[in-house]
């Protein structure tokens, strides 16, 4: 028999393992369905509006503004150029910064 503490520890480990397997299965299913996997930074010069829309607090309007800016002004040279997109606030920029890149630009 297990002590109460041992039983609780085993239960906690089981729950953690199940959660980890669920996350892995979810990510695999997203990849298999061709859905964007936002674990890796999103390249601003290659991203579709659907992918951009998934960035924190972006939504369809700002995603389209990024695409429109890219069409009118050419490729982004660096991530900081995202600030020139109409509707881009400092807050949105800070949320997007860890999620985006430009042609593999490191941060």
C-alpha atoms as a PDB file:
ATOM      1  CA  UNK A   1       0.000   0.000   0.000  1.00  0.00           C
ATOM      2  CA  UNK A   2       1.043   3.565  -0.601  1.00  0.00           C
ATOM      3  CA  UNK A   3       1.082   6.264   1.973  1.00  0.00           C
ATOM      4  CA  UNK A   4      -1.160   9.201   1.354  1.00  0.00           C
ATOM      5  CA  UNK A   5       1.805  11.321   0.298  1.00  0.00           C
ATOM      6  CA  UNK A   6       3.058   8.670  -2.150  1.00  0.00           C
ATOM      7  CA  UNK A   7      -0.408   8.257  -3.654  1.00  0.00           C
ATOM      8  CA  UNK A   8      -0.736  12.009  -4.114  1.00  0.00           C
ATOM      9  CA  UNK A   9       2.720  12.198  -5.728  1.00  0.00           C
ATOM     10  CA  UNK A  10       1.861   9.371  -8.141  1.00  0.00           C
ATOM     11  CA  UNK A  11      -1.423  11.047  -9.000  1.00  0.00           C
ATOM     12  CA  UNK A  12       0.311  14.379  -9.646  1.00  0.00           C
ATOM     13  CA  UNK A  13       2.914  12.687 -11.854  1.00  0.00           C
ATOM     14  CA  UNK A  14       0.175  10.905 -13.794  1.00  0.00           C
ATOM     15  CA  UNK A  15      -1.734  14.127 -14.372  1.00  0.00           C
ATOM     16  CA  UNK A  16       1.439  15.914 -15.506  1.00  0.00           C
ATOM     17  CA  UNK A  17       2.316  13.084 -17.903  1.00  0.00           C
ATOM     18  CA  UNK A  18      -1.203  13.043 -19.356  1.00  0.00           C
ATOM     19  CA  UNK A  19      -1.126  16.810 -19.844  1.00  0.00           C
ATOM     20  CA  UNK A  20       2.240  16.622 -21.606  1.00  0.00           C
ATOM     21  CA  UNK A  21       0.979  13.891 -23.922  1.00  0.00           C
ATOM     22  CA  UNK A  22      -2.152  15.914 -24.663  1.00  0.00           C
ATOM     23  CA  UNK A  23      -0.128  18.999 -25.602  1.00  0.00           C
ATOM     24  CA  UNK A  24       2.155  16.921 -27.834  1.00  0.00           C
ATOM     25  CA  UNK A  25      -0.842  15.312 -29.549  1.00  0.00           C
ATOM     26  CA  UNK A  26      -2.486  18.710 -30.046  1.00  0.00           C
ATOM     27  CA  UNK A  27       0.662  20.155 -31.639  1.00  0.00           C
ATOM     28  CA  UNK A  28       1.022  17.095 -33.889  1.00  0.00           C
ATOM     29  CA  UNK A  29      -2.590  17.361 -35.007  1.00  0.00           C
ATOM     30  CA  UNK A  30      -2.163  21.085 -35.786  1.00  0.00           C
ATOM     31  CA  UNK A  31       0.929  20.314 -37.881  1.00  0.00           C
ATOM     32  CA  UNK A  32      -0.793  17.441 -39.698  1.00  0.00           C
ATOM     33  CA  UNK A  33      -3.756  19.679 -40.543  1.00  0.00           C
ATOM     34  CA  UNK A  34      -1.416  22.278 -42.001  1.00  0.00           C
ATOM     35  CA  UNK A  35      -2.273  24.787 -39.302  1.00  0.00           C
ATOM     36  CA  UNK A  36       0.452  27.196 -38.219  1.00  0.00           C
ATOM     37  CA  UNK A  37       2.580  26.172 -35.294  1.00  0.00           C
ATOM     38  CA  UNK A  38       3.403  29.384 -33.470  1.00  0.00           C
ATOM     39  CA  UNK A  39       6.067  27.788 -31.292  1.00  0.00           C
ATOM     40  CA  UNK A  40       8.664  28.980 -33.792  1.00  0.00           C
ATOM     41  CA  UNK A  41       8.833  32.690 -34.560  1.00  0.00           C
ATOM     42  CA  UNK A  42       6.654  33.701 -37.483  1.00  0.00           C
ATOM     43  CA  UNK A  43       8.530  35.280 -40.405  1.00  0.00           C
ATOM     44  CA  UNK A  44       6.862  38.614 -41.188  1.00  0.00           C
ATOM     45  CA  UNK A  45       7.866  38.338 -44.849  1.00  0.00           C
ATOM     46  CA  UNK A  46       6.366  34.894 -45.385  1.00  0.00           C
ATOM     47  CA  UNK A  47       3.397  34.807 -43.019  1.00  0.00           C
ATOM     48  CA  UNK A  48      -0.142  34.661 -44.346  1.00  0.00           C
ATOM     49  CA  UNK A  49      -2.818  36.905 -42.888  1.00  0.00           C
ATOM     50  CA  UNK A  50      -4.324  33.816 -41.225  1.00  0.00           C
ATOM     51  CA  UNK A  51      -1.044  33.172 -39.400  1.00  0.00           C
ATOM     52  CA  UNK A  52      -0.628  36.826 -38.454  1.00  0.00           C
ATOM     53  CA  UNK A  53      -4.171  36.884 -37.114  1.00  0.00           C
ATOM     54  CA  UNK A  54      -3.146  34.298 -34.514  1.00  0.00           C
ATOM     55  CA  UNK A  55      -0.539  36.577 -32.962  1.00  0.00           C
ATOM     56  CA  UNK A  56      -1.504  37.950 -29.530  1.00  0.00           C
ATOM     57  CA  UNK A  57      -4.264  40.578 -29.879  1.00  0.00           C
ATOM     58  CA  UNK A  58      -3.695  41.026 -33.627  1.00  0.00           C
ATOM     59  CA  UNK A  59      -6.998  39.939 -35.123  1.00  0.00           C
ATOM     60  CA  UNK A  60      -7.995  40.222 -38.787  1.00  0.00           C
ATOM     61  CA  UNK A  61      -7.713  44.009 -39.142  1.00  0.00           C
ATOM     62  CA  UNK A  62      -4.106  44.278 -38.000  1.00  0.00           C
ATOM     63  CA  UNK A  63      -3.137  41.070 -39.829  1.00  0.00           C
ATOM     64  CA  UNK A  64      -4.445  42.565 -43.078  1.00  0.00           C
ATOM     65  CA  UNK A  65      -2.654  45.847 -42.306  1.00  0.00           C
ATOM     66  CA  UNK A  66       0.657  43.965 -42.002  1.00  0.00           C
ATOM     67  CA  UNK A  67       0.077  42.247 -45.364  1.00  0.00           C
ATOM     68  CA  UNK A  68      -0.975  45.545 -46.978  1.00  0.00           C
ATOM     69  CA  UNK A  69       2.140  47.269 -45.611  1.00  0.00           C
ATOM     70  CA  UNK A  70       4.302  44.458 -46.975  1.00  0.00           C
ATOM     71  CA  UNK A  71       2.682  44.764 -50.413  1.00  0.00           C
ATOM     72  CA  UNK A  72       2.994  48.569 -50.568  1.00  0.00           C
ATOM     73  CA  UNK A  73       6.448  48.974 -49.013  1.00  0.00           C
ATOM     74  CA  UNK A  74       8.186  45.667 -49.730  1.00  0.00           C
ATOM     75  CA  UNK A  75       9.647  43.121 -47.359  1.00  0.00           C
ATOM     76  CA  UNK A  76      10.369  43.926 -43.750  1.00  0.00           C
ATOM     77  CA  UNK A  77      14.113  44.464 -43.294  1.00  0.00           C
ATOM     78  CA  UNK A  78      13.921  43.955 -39.535  1.00  0.00           C
ATOM     79  CA  UNK A  79      11.290  43.206 -36.907  1.00  0.00           C
ATOM     80  CA  UNK A  80      11.296  46.836 -35.731  1.00  0.00           C
ATOM     81  CA  UNK A  81       9.792  47.827 -39.108  1.00  0.00           C
ATOM     82  CA  UNK A  82       6.542  46.352 -37.820  1.00  0.00           C
ATOM     83  CA  UNK A  83       6.088  49.607 -35.873  1.00  0.00           C
ATOM     84  CA  UNK A  84       5.382  51.424 -39.183  1.00  0.00           C
ATOM     85  CA  UNK A  85       2.250  49.359 -39.842  1.00  0.00           C
ATOM     86  CA  UNK A  86      -0.896  51.481 -39.403  1.00  0.00           C
ATOM     87  CA  UNK A  87      -2.701  50.459 -36.230  1.00  0.00           C
ATOM     88  CA  UNK A  88       0.403  48.993 -34.573  1.00  0.00           C
ATOM     89  CA  UNK A  89       0.558  50.238 -31.009  1.00  0.00           C
ATOM     90  CA  UNK A  90       3.487  49.913 -28.615  1.00  0.00           C
ATOM     91  CA  UNK A  91       1.476  47.371 -26.634  1.00  0.00           C
ATOM     92  CA  UNK A  92       0.743  45.199 -29.690  1.00  0.00           C
ATOM     93  CA  UNK A  93       4.340  45.486 -30.817  1.00  0.00           C
ATOM     94  CA  UNK A  94       5.594  44.276 -27.424  1.00  0.00           C
ATOM     95  CA  UNK A  95       3.190  41.299 -27.573  1.00  0.00           C
ATOM     96  CA  UNK A  96       4.282  40.403 -31.111  1.00  0.00           C
ATOM     97  CA  UNK A  97       8.041  40.879 -30.618  1.00  0.00           C
ATOM     98  CA  UNK A  98       8.799  37.420 -29.150  1.00  0.00           C
ATOM     99  CA  UNK A  99       6.526  35.753 -31.734  1.00  0.00           C
ATOM    100  CA  UNK A 100       7.949  37.158 -34.978  1.00  0.00           C
ATOM    101  CA  UNK A 101      11.160  37.277 -36.962  1.00  0.00           C
ATOM    102  CA  UNK A 102      12.385  38.538 -40.328  1.00  0.00           C
ATOM    103  CA  UNK A 103      14.175  35.938 -42.463  1.00  0.00           C
ATOM    104  CA  UNK A 104      15.552  34.133 -39.425  1.00  0.00           C
ATOM    105  CA  UNK A 105      16.795  37.333 -37.786  1.00  0.00           C
ATOM    106  CA  UNK A 106      17.930  36.402 -34.297  1.00  0.00           C
ATOM    107  CA  UNK A 107      17.027  38.281 -31.145  1.00  0.00           C
END
